[in-house]
Structures are given as C-alpha cells and as structure tokens.
Amino acid sequence: MAELIAHAVEEVSVAWSSPMVVDSAVLDHEDHAPWDEEWSPLELDGWARVGRNAVVLEKSASATACIRLELWTGEPAMKQPAWGHVWTGEIHLRSARLHIRDLWEDWSRGDAFDLGQAGATWPVRIQHRRLVNDQEPAFPRDLFQVDLYLLQFWKRP
C-alpha cells in the first residue's frame, strides 16, 4: 500500500488565469518552457496541458484555485468518489523541484516542492474539480467557485 511522503497546498488568486506547476529548470532557462514554441503539450480537454517540465492548469476566470502536490512511495489509490477530470500518465522533470507560478505573470506561490530525483520521468495523476455554491439555491451557483487541482507523483517500483 502506497504511503504519502510529502505534500504542499497553495491557494491561487482569482487574478491568475493560467497557474502552472513548473520545474526549476524552466525558471532557470535550462530547458523549454510552456511559453516556448518548442513546448508541445498534451491537451486534457481544456482543463490542463501537460508537457516536459510543466503542467499548465486552466481555471475559471472568476474562481480562486487551490493546488495540492503530493509525493507517494507508490501509486496512490484513486479518490472516491472520482473527481470530474482525471488523467494518469508520465511527465519528464529535469530538476524535479516544482514551483507554482502563473503562466503569463511573474507571480509565484510557496517554496519549491522537491520530488528528489532529477532527470527522471515521473508517473503522475492529475485531478480537477470545481466546487460551486450548491447549498443556497436562492443565490447564483457561480457566486462561490473554487477550482481544485491534485497532482500526485509517485516513485517507480
């Protein structure tokens, strides 16, 4: 059974349109970045893009977002009930030191989240769901919105 080794949670402002989880190598100009032509991401139905050294998250313009990064000893069990969007695959990370930044602005949140093994391709599960006001039917559903993102990385056996 897989065990959680470390985690970090960061709240992202409404002002951020495209938060991303990005490797230090990109920020240090040592590898291709999501804003480079050479970066060729896998599109995940409009809610995220995954490519070498980065995951770009697409959030609602009027919503705050909360991003949780997790490092596990092995593949973690799937959350139940399943979230609205789920993708499991691999991502190559040059330094394996991750930062939460905005794609278009020079804003960042928190310290680096260190996975511990640089130059590796990591298994990852990315999940997303949007919480809205569903408790007060007399008020608009989008009065309260938050986009939740969970990125789970694990070590290969």
Foldseek 3Di string as FASTA:
>chain_A
DKDWDDKDKDKADLQFFKKKKFAVCVVVVNDDDPVDPPWDWDDFPQQWTATAGMIIGGDDSRAIEMEMEIEMADDDDADPPHAPGKDKDKYAHAQQFIWIAGPPDGDTDDGTDHNDDGGDIWIKMKGKHKQFPPPDVVDDRNVHIYIYIYIYTYDDD
